[in-house]
């Protein structure tokens, strides 16, 4: 199924762009809140705020493994159906 890799990669990238577009306003609000926190907390906690931001941004990294799992499950189902019909 390696021949499908470019299509899978393209679809994952498309999904990430869609999630980012859909949640752009949420991210702007989140970023604004973090900025306010940075000004309100002592400097030694700024690293913690940066970690929170990284965690928020990394949520889109879940898209690829989820999509690939669904794709693999669908492929297995199709193979199962085709095998059943062949019998």
PDB file of N, CA and C in Angstrom:
ATOM      1  N   UNK A   1       0.813  -1.195   0.000  1.00  0.00           N
ATOM      2  CA  UNK A   1       0.000   0.000   0.000  1.00  0.00           C
ATOM      3  C   UNK A   1       0.859   1.265   0.000  1.00  0.00           C
ATOM      4  N   UNK A   2       2.131   1.088  -0.229  1.00  0.00           N
ATOM      5  CA  UNK A   2       3.039   2.228  -0.254  1.00  0.00           C
ATOM      6  C   UNK A   2       2.686   3.214  -1.367  1.00  0.00           C
ATOM      7  N   UNK A   3       2.072   2.709  -2.428  1.00  0.00           N
ATOM      8  CA  UNK A   3       1.692   3.582  -3.544  1.00  0.00           C
ATOM      9  C   UNK A   3       0.633   4.603  -3.126  1.00  0.00           C
ATOM     10  N   UNK A   4      -0.068   4.340  -2.040  1.00  0.00           N
ATOM     11  CA  UNK A   4      -1.090   5.259  -1.545  1.00  0.00           C
ATOM     12  C   UNK A   4      -0.527   6.347  -0.625  1.00  0.00           C
ATOM     13  N   UNK A   5       0.726   6.212  -0.242  1.00  0.00           N
ATOM     14  CA  UNK A   5       1.333   7.126   0.731  1.00  0.00           C
ATOM     15  C   UNK A   5       1.194   8.599   0.345  1.00  0.00           C
ATOM     16  N   UNK A   6       1.465   8.993  -0.910  1.00  0.00           N
ATOM     17  CA  UNK A   6       1.293  10.411  -1.245  1.00  0.00           C
ATOM     18  C   UNK A   6      -0.148  10.901  -1.039  1.00  0.00           C
ATOM     19  N   UNK A   7      -1.116  10.064  -1.365  1.00  0.00           N
ATOM     20  CA  UNK A   7      -2.522  10.449  -1.174  1.00  0.00           C
ATOM     21  C   UNK A   7      -2.871  10.558   0.301  1.00  0.00           C
ATOM     22  N   UNK A   8      -2.361   9.639   1.092  1.00  0.00           N
ATOM     23  CA  UNK A   8      -2.611   9.671   2.537  1.00  0.00           C
ATOM     24  C   UNK A   8      -1.984  10.928   3.143  1.00  0.00           C
ATOM     25  N   UNK A   9      -0.742  11.199   2.777  1.00  0.00           N
ATOM     26  CA  UNK A   9      -0.045  12.383   3.285  1.00  0.00           C
ATOM     27  C   UNK A   9      -0.797  13.651   2.896  1.00  0.00           C
ATOM     28  N   UNK A  10      -1.247  13.720   1.665  1.00  0.00           N
ATOM     29  CA  UNK A  10      -1.993  14.884   1.195  1.00  0.00           C
ATOM     30  C   UNK A  10      -3.282  15.052   2.000  1.00  0.00           C
ATOM     31  N   UNK A  11      -3.988  13.967   2.229  1.00  0.00           N
ATOM     32  CA  UNK A  11      -5.246  14.027   2.974  1.00  0.00           C
ATOM     33  C   UNK A  11      -5.005  14.474   4.414  1.00  0.00           C
ATOM     34  N   UNK A  12      -3.955  13.961   5.045  1.00  0.00           N
ATOM     35  CA  UNK A  12      -3.621  14.367   6.414  1.00  0.00           C
ATOM     36  C   UNK A  12      -3.320  15.864   6.451  1.00  0.00           C
ATOM     37  N   UNK A  13      -2.533  16.339   5.499  1.00  0.00           N
ATOM     38  CA  UNK A  13      -2.203  17.764   5.450  1.00  0.00           C
ATOM     39  C   UNK A  13      -3.461  18.606   5.237  1.00  0.00           C
ATOM     40  N   UNK A  14      -4.350  18.115   4.399  1.00  0.00           N
ATOM     41  CA  UNK A  14      -5.622  18.794   4.148  1.00  0.00           C
ATOM     42  C   UNK A  14      -6.457  18.873   5.434  1.00  0.00           C
ATOM     43  N   UNK A  15      -6.492  17.786   6.161  1.00  0.00           N
ATOM     44  CA  UNK A  15      -7.254  17.748   7.409  1.00  0.00           C
ATOM     45  C   UNK A  15      -6.660  18.703   8.443  1.00  0.00           C
ATOM     46  N   UNK A  16      -5.340  18.761   8.541  1.00  0.00           N
ATOM     47  CA  UNK A  16      -4.679  19.659   9.486  1.00  0.00           C
ATOM     48  C   UNK A  16      -5.004  21.107   9.142  1.00  0.00           C
ATOM     49  N   UNK A  17      -4.938  21.452   7.843  1.00  0.00           N
ATOM     50  CA  UNK A  17      -5.277  22.815   7.435  1.00  0.00           C
ATOM     51  C   UNK A  17      -6.726  23.151   7.800  1.00  0.00           C
ATOM     52  N   UNK A  18      -7.619  22.200   7.606  1.00  0.00           N
ATOM     53  CA  UNK A  18      -9.031  22.418   7.914  1.00  0.00           C
ATOM     54  C   UNK A  18      -9.238  22.630   9.419  1.00  0.00           C
ATOM     55  N   UNK A  19      -8.587  21.819  10.237  1.00  0.00           N
ATOM     56  CA  UNK A  19      -8.703  21.980  11.694  1.00  0.00           C
ATOM     57  C   UNK A  19      -8.142  23.335  12.117  1.00  0.00           C
ATOM     58  N   UNK A  20      -7.001  23.706  11.560  1.00  0.00           N
ATOM     59  CA  UNK A  20      -6.402  24.994  11.906  1.00  0.00           C
ATOM     60  C   UNK A  20      -7.301  26.148  11.471  1.00  0.00           C
ATOM     61  N   UNK A  21      -7.901  26.031  10.287  1.00  0.00           N
ATOM     62  CA  UNK A  21      -8.805  27.074   9.800  1.00  0.00           C
ATOM     63  C   UNK A  21     -10.042  27.166  10.692  1.00  0.00           C
ATOM     64  N   UNK A  22     -10.583  26.008  11.013  1.00  0.00           N
ATOM     65  CA  UNK A  22     -11.807  25.957  11.812  1.00  0.00           C
ATOM     66  C   UNK A  22     -11.602  26.529  13.217  1.00  0.00           C
ATOM     67  N   UNK A  23     -10.407  26.355  13.761  1.00  0.00           N
ATOM     68  CA  UNK A  23     -10.139  26.772  15.134  1.00  0.00           C
ATOM     69  C   UNK A  23      -9.227  27.993  15.235  1.00  0.00           C
ATOM     70  N   UNK A  24      -9.101  28.730  14.142  1.00  0.00           N
ATOM     71  CA  UNK A  24      -8.219  29.903  14.133  1.00  0.00           C
ATOM     72  C   UNK A  24      -8.638  30.929  15.186  1.00  0.00           C
ATOM     73  N   UNK A  25      -9.942  31.179  15.304  1.00  0.00           N
ATOM     74  CA  UNK A  25     -10.420  32.147  16.297  1.00  0.00           C
ATOM     75  C   UNK A  25     -10.137  31.670  17.724  1.00  0.00           C
ATOM     76  N   UNK A  26     -10.302  30.360  17.941  1.00  0.00           N
ATOM     77  CA  UNK A  26     -10.001  29.799  19.266  1.00  0.00           C
ATOM     78  C   UNK A  26      -8.528  29.984  19.598  1.00  0.00           C
ATOM     79  N   UNK A  27      -7.656  29.736  18.594  1.00  0.00           N
ATOM     80  CA  UNK A  27      -6.219  29.879  18.857  1.00  0.00           C
ATOM     81  C   UNK A  27      -5.875  31.337  19.147  1.00  0.00           C
ATOM     82  N   UNK A  28      -6.479  32.270  18.424  1.00  0.00           N
ATOM     83  CA  UNK A  28      -6.205  33.691  18.690  1.00  0.00           C
ATOM     84  C   UNK A  28      -6.607  34.052  20.115  1.00  0.00           C
ATOM     85  N   UNK A  29      -7.748  33.550  20.542  1.00  0.00           N
ATOM     86  CA  UNK A  29      -8.220  33.808  21.918  1.00  0.00           C
ATOM     87  C   UNK A  29      -7.273  33.157  22.925  1.00  0.00           C
ATOM     88  N   UNK A  30      -6.880  31.913  22.653  1.00  0.00           N
ATOM     89  CA  UNK A  30      -5.955  31.191  23.526  1.00  0.00           C
ATOM     90  C   UNK A  30      -4.639  31.960  23.642  1.00  0.00           C
ATOM     91  N   UNK A  31      -4.128  32.419  22.499  1.00  0.00           N
ATOM     92  CA  UNK A  31      -2.863  33.157  22.473  1.00  0.00           C
ATOM     93  C   UNK A  31      -2.981  34.458  23.260  1.00  0.00           C
ATOM     94  N   UNK A  32      -4.120  35.121  23.133  1.00  0.00           N
ATOM     95  CA  UNK A  32      -4.352  36.352  23.880  1.00  0.00           C
ATOM     96  C   UNK A  32      -4.364  36.096  25.391  1.00  0.00           C
ATOM     97  N   UNK A  33      -5.027  35.016  25.785  1.00  0.00           N
ATOM     98  CA  UNK A  33      -5.067  34.664  27.212  1.00  0.00           C
ATOM     99  C   UNK A  33      -3.680  34.328  27.741  1.00  0.00           C
ATOM    100  N   UNK A  34      -2.901  33.597  26.935  1.00  0.00           N
ATOM    101  CA  UNK A  34      -1.532  33.273  27.372  1.00  0.00           C
ATOM    102  C   UNK A  34      -0.687  34.533  27.511  1.00  0.00           C
ATOM    103  N   UNK A  35      -0.872  35.455  26.613  1.00  0.00           N
ATOM    104  CA  UNK A  35      -0.127  36.713  26.683  1.00  0.00           C
ATOM    105  C   UNK A  35      -0.463  37.463  27.970  1.00  0.00           C
ATOM    106  N   UNK A  36      -1.731  37.486  28.317  1.00  0.00           N
ATOM    107  CA  UNK A  36      -2.149  38.136  29.570  1.00  0.00           C
ATOM    108  C   UNK A  36      -1.533  37.428  30.773  1.00  0.00           C
ATOM    109  N   UNK A  37      -1.496  36.082  30.711  1.00  0.00           N
ATOM    110  CA  UNK A  37      -0.889  35.326  31.812  1.00  0.00           C
ATOM    111  C   UNK A  37       0.593  35.646  31.959  1.00  0.00           C
ATOM    112  N   UNK A  38       1.289  35.741  30.826  1.00  0.00           N
ATOM    113  CA  UNK A  38       2.727  36.040  30.873  1.00  0.00           C
ATOM    114  C   UNK A  38       2.988  37.365  31.579  1.00  0.00           C
ATOM    115  N   UNK A  39       2.103  38.318  31.378  1.00  0.00           N
ATOM    116  CA  UNK A  39       2.273  39.617  32.021  1.00  0.00           C
ATOM    117  C   UNK A  39       1.868  39.600  33.490  1.00  0.00           C
ATOM    118  N   UNK A  40       1.059  38.619  33.861  1.00  0.00           N
ATOM    119  CA  UNK A  40       0.526  38.579  35.225  1.00  0.00           C
ATOM    120  C   UNK A  40       1.317  37.673  36.174  1.00  0.00           C
ATOM    121  N   UNK A  41       2.126  36.778  35.621  1.00  0.00           N
ATOM    122  CA  UNK A  41       2.850  35.832  36.478  1.00  0.00           C
ATOM    123  C   UNK A  41       4.339  36.175  36.493  1.00  0.00           C
ATOM    124  N   UNK A  42       5.030  35.704  37.503  1.00  0.00           N
ATOM    125  CA  UNK A  42       6.474  35.942  37.567  1.00  0.00           C
ATOM    126  C   UNK A  42       7.196  35.308  36.366  1.00  0.00           C
ATOM    127  N   UNK A  43       8.305  35.882  36.011  1.00  0.00           N
ATOM    128  CA  UNK A  43       9.050  35.450  34.826  1.00  0.00           C
ATOM    129  C   UNK A  43       9.464  33.980  34.891  1.00  0.00           C
ATOM    130  N   UNK A  44       9.732  33.467  36.074  1.00  0.00           N
ATOM    131  CA  UNK A  44      10.172  32.075  36.173  1.00  0.00           C
ATOM    132  C   UNK A  44       9.055  31.096  35.764  1.00  0.00           C
ATOM    133  N   UNK A  45       7.823  31.556  35.616  1.00  0.00           N
ATOM    134  CA  UNK A  45       6.716  30.690  35.179  1.00  0.00           C
ATOM    135  C   UNK A  45       6.433  30.803  33.675  1.00  0.00           C
ATOM    136  N   UNK A  46       7.157  31.660  32.972  1.00  0.00           N
ATOM    137  CA  UNK A  46       6.934  31.829  31.535  1.00  0.00           C
ATOM    138  C   UNK A  46       7.211  30.540  30.761  1.00  0.00           C
ATOM    139  N   UNK A  47       8.151  29.754  31.217  1.00  0.00           N
ATOM    140  CA  UNK A  47       8.426  28.463  30.567  1.00  0.00           C
ATOM    141  C   UNK A  47       7.237  27.524  30.667  1.00  0.00           C
ATOM    142  N   UNK A  48       6.554  27.568  31.792  1.00  0.00           N
ATOM    143  CA  UNK A  48       5.355  26.736  31.978  1.00  0.00           C
ATOM    144  C   UNK A  48       4.255  27.170  31.018  1.00  0.00           C
ATOM    145  N   UNK A  49       4.117  28.470  30.848  1.00  0.00           N
ATOM    146  CA  UNK A  49       3.119  28.980  29.900  1.00  0.00           C
ATOM    147  C   UNK A  49       3.470  28.538  28.481  1.00  0.00           C
ATOM    148  N   UNK A  50       4.742  28.547  28.134  1.00  0.00           N
ATOM    149  CA  UNK A  50       5.174  28.089  26.809  1.00  0.00           C
ATOM    150  C   UNK A  50       4.859  26.597  26.628  1.00  0.00           C
ATOM    151  N   UNK A  51       5.006  25.812  27.697  1.00  0.00           N
ATOM    152  CA  UNK A  51       4.660  24.388  27.631  1.00  0.00           C
ATOM    153  C   UNK A  51       3.166  24.190  27.370  1.00  0.00           C
ATOM    154  N   UNK A  52       2.358  25.005  28.013  1.00  0.00           N
ATOM    155  CA  UNK A  52       0.907  24.926  27.797  1.00  0.00           C
ATOM    156  C   UNK A  52       0.588  25.232  26.339  1.00  0.00           C
ATOM    157  N   UNK A  53       1.235  26.244  25.790  1.00  0.00           N
ATOM    158  CA  UNK A  53       1.011  26.596  24.384  1.00  0.00           C
ATOM    159  C   UNK A  53       1.442  25.457  23.465  1.00  0.00           C
ATOM    160  N   UNK A  54       2.584  24.848  23.748  1.00  0.00           N
ATOM    161  CA  UNK A  54       3.054  23.711  22.941  1.00  0.00           C
ATOM    162  C   UNK A  54       2.043  22.572  22.967  1.00  0.00           C
ATOM    163  N   UNK A  55       1.483  22.313  24.140  1.00  0.00           N
ATOM    164  CA  UNK A  55       0.493  21.237  24.258  1.00  0.00           C
ATOM    165  C   UNK A  55      -0.737  21.546  23.409  1.00  0.00           C
ATOM    166  N   UNK A  56      -1.155  22.787  23.408  1.00  0.00           N
ATOM    167  CA  UNK A  56      -2.320  23.194  22.618  1.00  0.00           C
ATOM    168  C   UNK A  56      -2.033  23.015  21.120  1.00  0.00           C
ATOM    169  N   UNK A  57      -0.860  23.419  20.711  1.00  0.00           N
ATOM    170  CA  UNK A  57      -0.488  23.329  19.292  1.00  0.00           C
ATOM    171  C   UNK A  57      -0.332  21.875  18.860  1.00  0.00           C
ATOM    172  N   UNK A  58       0.211  21.032  19.713  1.00  0.00           N
ATOM    173  CA  UNK A  58       0.467  19.630  19.364  1.00  0.00           C
ATOM    174  C   UNK A  58      -0.792  18.802  19.177  1.00  0.00           C
ATOM    175  N   UNK A  59      -1.941  19.325  19.561  1.00  0.00           N
ATOM    176  CA  UNK A  59      -3.168  18.543  19.447  1.00  0.00           C
ATOM    177  C   UNK A  59      -3.432  18.122  18.002  1.00  0.00           C
ATOM    178  N   UNK A  60      -2.977  18.911  17.032  1.00  0.00           N
ATOM    179  CA  UNK A  60      -3.202  18.536  15.634  1.00  0.00           C
ATOM    180  C   UNK A  60      -2.332  17.353  15.212  1.00  0.00           C
ATOM    181  N   UNK A  61      -1.302  17.053  15.990  1.00  0.00           N
ATOM    182  CA  UNK A  61      -0.449  15.908  15.669  1.00  0.00           C
ATOM    183  C   UNK A  61      -1.212  14.591  15.776  1.00  0.00           C
ATOM    184  N   UNK A  62      -2.322  14.592  16.486  1.00  0.00           N
ATOM    185  CA  UNK A  62      -3.139  13.386  16.621  1.00  0.00           C
ATOM    186  C   UNK A  62      -3.882  13.046  15.336  1.00  0.00           C
ATOM    187  N   UNK A  63      -4.022  14.012  14.445  1.00  0.00           N
ATOM    188  CA  UNK A  63      -4.797  13.791  13.226  1.00  0.00           C
ATOM    189  C   UNK A  63      -4.199  12.675  12.384  1.00  0.00           C
ATOM    190  N   UNK A  64      -2.884  12.689  12.181  1.00  0.00           N
ATOM    191  CA  UNK A  64      -2.275  11.688  11.299  1.00  0.00           C
ATOM    192  C   UNK A  64      -2.463  10.257  11.785  1.00  0.00           C
ATOM    193  N   UNK A  65      -2.107   9.923  13.031  1.00  0.00           N
ATOM    194  CA  UNK A  65      -2.305   8.531  13.447  1.00  0.00           C
ATOM    195  C   UNK A  65      -3.774   8.114  13.455  1.00  0.00           C
ATOM    196  N   UNK A  66      -4.660   9.036  13.765  1.00  0.00           N
ATOM    197  CA  UNK A  66      -6.088   8.707  13.749  1.00  0.00           C
ATOM    198  C   UNK A  66      -6.535   8.411  12.324  1.00  0.00           C
ATOM    199  N   UNK A  67      -6.142   9.254  11.386  1.00  0.00           N
ATOM    200  CA  UNK A  67      -6.523   9.041   9.986  1.00  0.00           C
ATOM    201  C   UNK A  67      -5.945   7.723   9.472  1.00  0.00           C
ATOM    202  N   UNK A  68      -4.669   7.481   9.770  1.00  0.00           N
ATOM    203  CA  UNK A  68      -4.027   6.248   9.292  1.00  0.00           C
ATOM    204  C   UNK A  68      -4.705   5.004   9.874  1.00  0.00           C
ATOM    205  N   UNK A  69      -5.072   5.049  11.139  1.00  0.00           N
ATOM    206  CA  UNK A  69      -5.762   3.917  11.766  1.00  0.00           C
ATOM    207  C   UNK A  69      -7.096   3.667  11.074  1.00  0.00           C
ATOM    208  N   UNK A  70      -7.849   4.729  10.836  1.00  0.00           N
ATOM    209  CA  UNK A  70      -9.122   4.586  10.135  1.00  0.00           C
ATOM    210  C   UNK A  70      -8.938   4.051   8.728  1.00  0.00           C
ATOM    211  N   UNK A  71      -7.918   4.526   8.045  1.00  0.00           N
ATOM    212  CA  UNK A  71      -7.635   4.060   6.689  1.00  0.00           C
ATOM    213  C   UNK A  71      -7.275   2.578   6.691  1.00  0.00           C
ATOM    214  N   UNK A  72      -6.420   2.188   7.625  1.00  0.00           N
ATOM    215  CA  UNK A  72      -6.022   0.772   7.720  1.00  0.00           C
ATOM    216  C   UNK A  72      -7.218  -0.109   8.059  1.00  0.00           C
ATOM    217  N   UNK A  73      -8.068   0.341   8.972  1.00  0.00           N
ATOM    218  CA  UNK A  73      -9.265  -0.424   9.322  1.00  0.00           C
ATOM    219  C   UNK A  73     -10.183  -0.580   8.106  1.00  0.00           C
ATOM    220  N   UNK A  74     -10.337   0.490   7.352  1.00  0.00           N
ATOM    221  CA  UNK A  74     -11.168   0.443   6.148  1.00  0.00           C
ATOM    222  C   UNK A  74     -10.565  -0.523   5.127  1.00  0.00           C
ATOM    223  N   UNK A  75      -9.264  -0.486   4.961  1.00  0.00           N
ATOM    224  CA  UNK A  75      -8.587  -1.397   4.031  1.00  0.00           C
ATOM    225  C   UNK A  75      -8.798  -2.856   4.431  1.00  0.00           C
ATOM    226  N   UNK A  76      -8.696  -3.135   5.723  1.00  0.00           N
ATOM    227  CA  UNK A  76      -8.919  -4.496   6.217  1.00  0.00           C
ATOM    228  C   UNK A  76     -10.356  -4.935   5.957  1.00  0.00           C
ATOM    229  N   UNK A  77     -11.297  -4.035   6.177  1.00  0.00           N
ATOM    230  CA  UNK A  77     -12.705  -4.348   5.938  1.00  0.00           C
ATOM    231  C   UNK A  77     -12.949  -4.637   4.457  1.00  0.00           C
ATOM    232  N   UNK A  78     -12.389  -3.827   3.592  1.00  0.00           N
ATOM    233  CA  UNK A  78     -12.539  -4.058   2.146  1.00  0.00           C
ATOM    234  C   UNK A  78     -11.935  -5.401   1.757  1.00  0.00           C
ATOM    235  N   UNK A  79     -10.755  -5.703   2.266  1.00  0.00           N
ATOM    236  CA  UNK A  79     -10.122  -6.992   1.970  1.00  0.00           C
ATOM    237  C   UNK A  79     -10.970  -8.151   2.483  1.00  0.00           C
ATOM    238  N   UNK A  80     -11.548  -7.992   3.656  1.00  0.00           N
ATOM    239  CA  UNK A  80     -12.405  -9.027   4.231  1.00  0.00           C
ATOM    240  C   UNK A  80     -13.631  -9.244   3.350  1.00  0.00           C
ATOM    241  N   UNK A  81     -14.250  -8.167   2.907  1.00  0.00           N
ATOM    242  CA  UNK A  81     -15.434  -8.267   2.046  1.00  0.00           C
ATOM    243  C   UNK A  81     -15.070  -8.920   0.722  1.00  0.00           C
ATOM    244  N   UNK A  82     -13.951  -8.501   0.138  1.00  0.00           N
ATOM    245  CA  UNK A  82     -13.519  -9.091  -1.130  1.00  0.00           C
ATOM    246  C   UNK A  82     -13.184 -10.569  -0.985  1.00  0.00           C
ATOM    247  N   UNK A  83     -12.586 -10.945   0.129  1.00  0.00           N
ATOM    248  CA  UNK A  83     -12.259 -12.345   0.374  1.00  0.00           C
ATOM    249  C   UNK A  83     -13.528 -13.161   0.538  1.00  0.00           C
ATOM    250  N   UNK A  84     -14.507 -12.589   1.221  1.00  0.00           N
ATOM    251  CA  UNK A  84     -15.775 -13.271   1.435  1.00  0.00           C
ATOM    252  C   UNK A  84     -16.507 -13.496   0.106  1.00  0.00           C
ATOM    253  N   UNK A  85     -16.505 -12.483  -0.748  1.00  0.00           N
ATOM    254  CA  UNK A  85     -17.163 -12.589  -2.047  1.00  0.00           C
ATOM    255  C   UNK A  85     -16.469 -13.602  -2.943  1.00  0.00           C
ATOM    256  N   UNK A  86     -15.156 -13.750  -2.779  1.00  0.00           N
ATOM    257  CA  UNK A  86     -14.388 -14.676  -3.601  1.00  0.00           C
ATOM    258  C   UNK A  86     -14.674 -16.116  -3.246  1.00  0.00           C
ATOM    259  N   UNK A  87     -15.156 -16.337  -2.047  1.00  0.00           N
ATOM    260  CA  UNK A  87     -15.423 -17.709  -1.600  1.00  0.00           C
ATOM    261  C   UNK A  87     -16.652 -18.195  -2.201  1.00  0.00           C
TER     262      UNK A  87
END
